Amino acid sequence: MGTTLYGVGEAASVRVNQESVTLKRLPAEFDGLRVAVVSDLHLGPARGEAFTRTIVDMVNAERPDLIAIVGDLSDETIEHVGSDLQPLADLRAPLGVFGVSGNHEQISDDVGAWMDEWRSLGITTINNSSVEIRRGAATIDVAGVHDLSNSAPYEPDLDAAVAGRPDDRFTLLLAHQPNHVREAAAHDVDLQVSGHTHGGQMWPLRYAAAAAADTAVTGLDFYKDTTVFTTYGAGAWGPPVRVGAPPEIAILQLRSA
């Protein structure tokens, strides 16, 4: 009971985690770019609109240049929790707010319907596609894929996401699961941002999550020439309890080598 009470308190104490990431192909014009990584709100019976508003206010207070939403925003259908996502319409970033689906968008409802809902809130969905971001004379690609576990017609397709990209262009990939990093490395992705793991959410489940992972279950890691950052996420799946896996909004400051 004591552990559960502690875990309820930890799950309710979302923090801002600041990370600096040095990337060798990042153009000098993008040095200092601030990327907010938002993941795993898991809105449902235990989390609603007030929680979403708290997350939005925390993100906007950091004044990021770009916001990356990497899936699992809901644990219920659009009918039941669609209105709880409404504060996301107030997210602000000069270079855009981008999102990709997670496995719970498929578990809870139709992925396509959820993506329509996200777009109505001003989120640019980039599942299996990419957009060009420009600063001065420099350009980078922000690409995204559907979740690894999604079924047709919403399965991931990284080939399509990076099609037509110049081989030497810096690419930031949004992928819900960090285990996408093997394919990301094969496509010369520079930085992948992910969620999904919750850091195990409750000790000692972190060890089980680590056993199933191709990379670290939280924080920064490297696979070949690809850097991957995996956030703890902001919410909790199932009971609103976290033990040894604090919820977070991650702010990545990208530095050019």
Protein backbone atom coordinates (compact mmCIF):
# COMPACT_ATOMS: atom_id res chain seq x y z
CA MET A 1 0.00 0.00 0.00
CA GLY A 2 2.84 2.34 0.83
CA THR A 3 4.50 1.68 -2.53
CA THR A 4 1.22 2.29 -4.34
CA LEU A 5 0.66 5.60 -2.55
CA TYR A 6 4.20 6.65 -3.41
CA GLY A 7 3.64 5.60 -7.02
CA VAL A 8 0.45 7.65 -7.32
CA GLY A 9 2.38 10.69 -6.16
CA GLU A 10 5.26 10.04 -8.57
CA ALA A 11 2.90 9.55 -11.51
CA ALA A 12 1.25 12.91 -10.77
CA SER A 13 4.57 14.81 -10.65
CA VAL A 14 5.45 15.41 -14.28
CA ARG A 15 8.88 16.99 -14.67
CA VAL A 16 10.68 18.77 -17.50
CA ASN A 17 13.82 16.90 -18.51
CA GLN A 18 16.42 18.97 -20.36
CA GLU A 19 18.87 17.08 -22.58
CA SER A 20 21.64 18.32 -24.88
CA VAL A 21 22.36 16.20 -27.96
CA THR A 22 25.38 16.76 -30.22
CA LEU A 23 24.84 15.58 -33.80
CA LYS A 24 27.55 15.59 -36.42
CA ARG A 25 25.34 16.19 -39.49
CA LEU A 26 23.15 18.89 -37.93
CA PRO A 27 23.61 22.08 -39.98
CA ALA A 28 25.10 25.03 -38.12
CA GLU A 29 21.92 27.01 -38.83
CA PHE A 30 20.01 24.57 -36.62
CA ASP A 31 22.48 24.66 -33.73
CA GLY A 32 20.51 25.18 -30.52
CA LEU A 33 17.22 23.86 -31.94
CA ARG A 34 14.88 22.97 -29.05
CA VAL A 35 12.62 19.96 -29.59
CA ALA A 36 9.87 19.09 -27.09
CA VAL A 37 9.12 15.35 -26.99
CA VAL A 38 5.59 14.51 -25.79
CA SER A 39 4.46 10.91 -25.46
CA ASP A 40 2.23 8.41 -23.69
CA LEU A 41 -0.43 10.61 -22.11
CA HIS A 42 -2.76 7.58 -22.00
CA LEU A 43 -5.89 9.63 -21.50
CA GLY A 44 -8.76 7.57 -20.15
CA PRO A 45 -10.45 6.83 -16.84
CA ALA A 46 -7.52 8.12 -14.74
CA ARG A 47 -6.39 11.10 -16.87
CA GLY A 48 -8.52 13.69 -18.63
CA GLU A 49 -8.62 17.22 -19.99
CA ALA A 50 -7.08 18.82 -16.89
CA PHE A 51 -4.02 16.59 -17.27
CA THR A 52 -3.71 17.48 -20.95
CA ARG A 53 -3.92 21.18 -20.08
CA THR A 54 -1.10 20.77 -17.56
CA ILE A 55 1.11 19.12 -20.19
CA VAL A 56 0.35 21.81 -22.79
CA ASP A 57 1.14 24.59 -20.32
CA MET A 58 4.43 22.92 -19.37
CA VAL A 59 5.47 22.50 -23.00
CA ASN A 60 4.57 26.04 -24.02
CA ALA A 61 6.43 27.47 -21.01
CA GLU A 62 9.62 25.96 -22.45
CA ARG A 63 9.11 27.79 -25.79
CA PRO A 64 10.37 24.93 -27.99
CA ASP A 65 11.15 25.47 -31.66
CA LEU A 66 9.47 22.19 -32.65
CA ILE A 67 7.15 19.75 -30.88
CA ALA A 68 7.31 15.98 -31.51
CA ILE A 69 4.33 13.89 -30.36
CA VAL A 70 5.25 10.21 -30.50
CA GLY A 71 2.01 8.37 -29.81
CA ASP A 72 -0.17 6.72 -27.19
CA LEU A 73 -2.19 9.80 -26.31
CA SER A 74 -5.30 7.80 -25.40
CA ASP A 75 -6.55 4.57 -23.88
CA GLU A 76 -10.18 5.04 -24.88
CA THR A 77 -12.24 5.72 -28.00
CA ILE A 78 -12.61 9.13 -29.59
CA GLU A 79 -16.21 9.20 -28.38
CA HIS A 80 -15.09 8.91 -24.75
CA VAL A 81 -11.85 10.92 -24.60
CA GLY A 82 -11.65 12.95 -27.81
CA SER A 83 -12.64 16.10 -25.93
CA ASP A 84 -9.84 15.48 -23.40
CA LEU A 85 -7.29 16.15 -26.14
CA GLN A 86 -8.69 19.60 -26.95
CA PRO A 87 -5.97 21.54 -25.05
CA LEU A 88 -3.43 20.18 -27.56
CA ALA A 89 -4.81 22.75 -29.99
CA ASP A 90 -2.99 25.38 -27.90
CA LEU A 91 0.48 23.89 -28.41
CA ARG A 92 2.80 26.46 -29.96
CA ALA A 93 6.11 26.03 -31.76
CA PRO A 94 7.39 28.21 -34.62
CA LEU A 95 8.62 25.26 -36.71
CA GLY A 96 5.51 23.14 -36.14
CA VAL A 97 3.80 20.45 -34.07
CA PHE A 98 4.26 16.97 -35.55
CA GLY A 99 2.86 13.60 -34.51
CA VAL A 100 2.90 9.87 -35.21
CA SER A 101 0.66 7.08 -34.01
CA GLY A 102 1.43 4.70 -31.16
CA ASN A 103 0.15 1.20 -30.51
CA HIS A 104 -2.67 2.48 -28.29
CA GLU A 105 -4.19 4.53 -31.10
CA GLN A 106 -4.90 1.15 -32.71
CA ILE A 107 -5.86 -0.65 -29.50
CA SER A 108 -8.36 2.00 -28.44
CA ASP A 109 -9.96 2.94 -31.77
CA ASP A 110 -9.29 3.31 -35.50
CA VAL A 111 -5.83 4.77 -36.20
CA GLY A 112 -7.06 6.79 -39.16
CA ALA A 113 -9.89 8.31 -37.13
CA TRP A 114 -7.45 9.26 -34.39
CA MET A 115 -5.12 10.90 -36.90
CA ASP A 116 -8.07 12.92 -38.25
CA GLU A 117 -8.77 14.02 -34.68
CA TRP A 118 -5.15 15.05 -34.15
CA ARG A 119 -5.13 17.06 -37.38
CA SER A 120 -8.26 18.91 -36.24
CA LEU A 121 -6.17 20.09 -33.27
CA GLY A 122 -3.42 21.51 -35.48
CA ILE A 123 -1.03 18.55 -35.23
CA THR A 124 0.72 17.72 -38.50
CA THR A 125 0.66 13.93 -38.71
CA ILE A 126 3.68 12.52 -40.55
CA ASN A 127 3.06 8.78 -40.44
CA ASN A 128 5.18 7.22 -43.20
CA SER A 129 6.01 10.66 -44.57
CA SER A 130 8.30 13.62 -43.97
CA VAL A 131 8.42 17.40 -44.10
CA GLU A 132 11.27 19.77 -44.85
CA ILE A 133 12.23 22.34 -42.22
CA ARG A 134 14.33 25.32 -43.31
CA ARG A 135 16.50 27.78 -41.44
CA GLY A 136 18.42 30.22 -43.59
CA ALA A 137 20.08 28.28 -46.38
CA ALA A 138 19.91 24.96 -44.51
CA THR A 139 17.23 22.24 -44.62
CA ILE A 140 16.56 19.21 -42.44
CA ASP A 141 13.91 16.49 -42.74
CA VAL A 142 11.43 15.59 -40.00
CA ALA A 143 10.11 12.10 -40.80
CA GLY A 144 7.69 9.80 -39.04
CA VAL A 145 6.34 6.26 -39.09
CA HIS A 146 3.30 4.45 -37.77
CA ASP A 147 3.88 2.20 -34.76
CA LEU A 148 5.73 -1.07 -35.26
CA SER A 149 2.76 -3.15 -34.09
CA ASN A 150 0.08 -1.47 -36.21
CA SER A 151 -1.67 -3.58 -38.82
CA ALA A 152 -2.68 -2.71 -42.39
CA PRO A 153 -3.35 -0.13 -43.64
CA TYR A 154 -1.46 1.61 -40.83
CA GLU A 155 1.73 -0.42 -40.69
CA PRO A 156 5.06 1.50 -40.59
CA ASP A 157 6.89 2.22 -43.84
CA LEU A 158 10.20 3.99 -43.31
CA ASP A 159 11.09 3.59 -47.00
CA ALA A 160 8.12 5.80 -47.86
CA ALA A 161 8.92 8.24 -45.05
CA VAL A 162 12.39 9.05 -46.37
CA ALA A 163 11.77 8.59 -50.10
CA GLY A 164 13.41 11.28 -52.20
CA ARG A 165 15.56 12.60 -49.38
CA PRO A 166 19.12 13.66 -50.27
CA ASP A 167 21.54 11.11 -48.81
CA ASP A 168 23.51 13.72 -46.87
CA ARG A 169 20.55 15.57 -45.33
CA PHE A 170 20.02 15.49 -41.56
CA THR A 171 16.91 13.52 -40.58
CA LEU A 172 14.94 13.58 -37.34
CA LEU A 173 12.64 10.54 -37.07
CA LEU A 174 9.53 10.28 -34.91
CA ALA A 175 8.81 6.61 -34.07
CA HIS A 176 6.71 5.47 -31.11
CA GLN A 177 8.85 2.45 -30.23
CA PRO A 178 12.62 2.76 -29.74
CA ASN A 179 13.03 -0.66 -31.37
CA HIS A 180 12.60 1.10 -34.70
CA VAL A 181 16.24 2.15 -34.35
CA ARG A 182 17.67 -0.78 -36.34
CA GLU A 183 15.72 0.24 -39.43
CA ALA A 184 16.41 3.91 -38.71
CA ALA A 185 20.16 3.24 -38.71
CA ALA A 186 19.87 1.36 -42.00
CA HIS A 187 18.29 4.49 -43.51
CA ASP A 188 20.97 6.85 -42.12
CA VAL A 189 18.62 8.58 -39.68
CA ASP A 190 20.57 10.96 -37.47
CA LEU A 191 18.21 11.24 -34.48
CA GLN A 192 15.20 9.13 -33.53
CA VAL A 193 12.81 10.21 -30.76
CA SER A 194 10.52 7.63 -29.16
CA GLY A 195 8.39 6.75 -26.15
CA HIS A 196 6.41 3.55 -25.42
CA THR A 197 8.57 2.00 -22.69
CA HIS A 198 7.55 4.24 -19.75
CA GLY A 199 10.91 3.18 -18.33
CA GLY A 200 9.07 0.06 -17.20
CA GLN A 201 6.61 2.33 -15.29
CA MET A 202 6.95 0.37 -12.05
CA TRP A 203 10.10 -1.15 -10.62
CA PRO A 204 11.22 -3.89 -11.27
CA LEU A 205 9.41 -4.00 -14.65
CA ARG A 206 12.19 -1.83 -16.08
CA TYR A 207 14.31 -4.98 -16.37
CA ALA A 208 11.63 -6.74 -18.41
CA ALA A 209 11.35 -3.71 -20.70
CA ALA A 210 15.13 -3.64 -21.12
CA ALA A 211 15.22 -7.33 -22.06
CA ALA A 212 12.83 -6.65 -24.96
CA ALA A 213 14.63 -3.54 -26.21
CA ASP A 214 17.25 -3.02 -28.90
CA THR A 215 18.42 0.14 -27.14
CA ALA A 216 18.17 1.86 -23.76
CA VAL A 217 14.60 2.02 -22.47
CA THR A 218 15.00 5.68 -21.46
CA GLY A 219 17.30 8.56 -22.26
CA LEU A 220 20.01 8.79 -24.89
CA ASP A 221 21.59 5.82 -26.62
CA PHE A 222 23.33 5.05 -29.89
CA TYR A 223 22.94 2.39 -32.56
CA LYS A 224 25.63 2.57 -35.23
CA ASP A 225 25.48 6.18 -36.48
CA THR A 226 21.96 6.84 -35.20
CA THR A 227 21.27 8.59 -31.90
CA VAL A 228 18.03 7.59 -30.20
CA PHE A 229 16.25 9.34 -27.35
CA THR A 230 13.46 7.53 -25.50
CA THR A 231 11.28 9.50 -23.12
CA TYR A 232 9.65 8.13 -19.98
CA GLY A 233 6.42 9.69 -21.27
CA ALA A 234 4.04 11.88 -19.32
CA GLY A 235 1.19 9.57 -18.38
CA ALA A 236 0.72 6.02 -17.16
CA TRP A 237 -0.86 2.92 -18.66
CA GLY A 238 -3.45 1.22 -16.47
CA PRO A 239 -3.37 2.49 -12.89
CA PRO A 240 -1.90 6.01 -12.50
CA VAL A 241 1.13 4.62 -10.66
CA ARG A 242 4.85 4.99 -11.40
CA VAL A 243 7.70 3.75 -9.24
CA GLY A 244 11.26 4.64 -10.19
CA ALA A 245 10.15 5.86 -13.61
CA PRO A 246 9.22 9.55 -13.27
CA PRO A 247 6.90 11.02 -15.91
CA GLU A 248 8.40 13.74 -18.06
CA ILE A 249 8.24 16.21 -20.87
CA ALA A 250 11.63 16.07 -22.59
CA ILE A 251 13.26 19.16 -24.10
CA LEU A 252 16.11 18.23 -26.41
CA GLN A 253 18.55 20.97 -27.37
CA LEU A 254 20.28 19.90 -30.58
CA ARG A 255 23.88 20.98 -31.02
CA SER A 256 25.88 20.92 -34.24
CA ALA A 257 29.24 19.20 -34.06
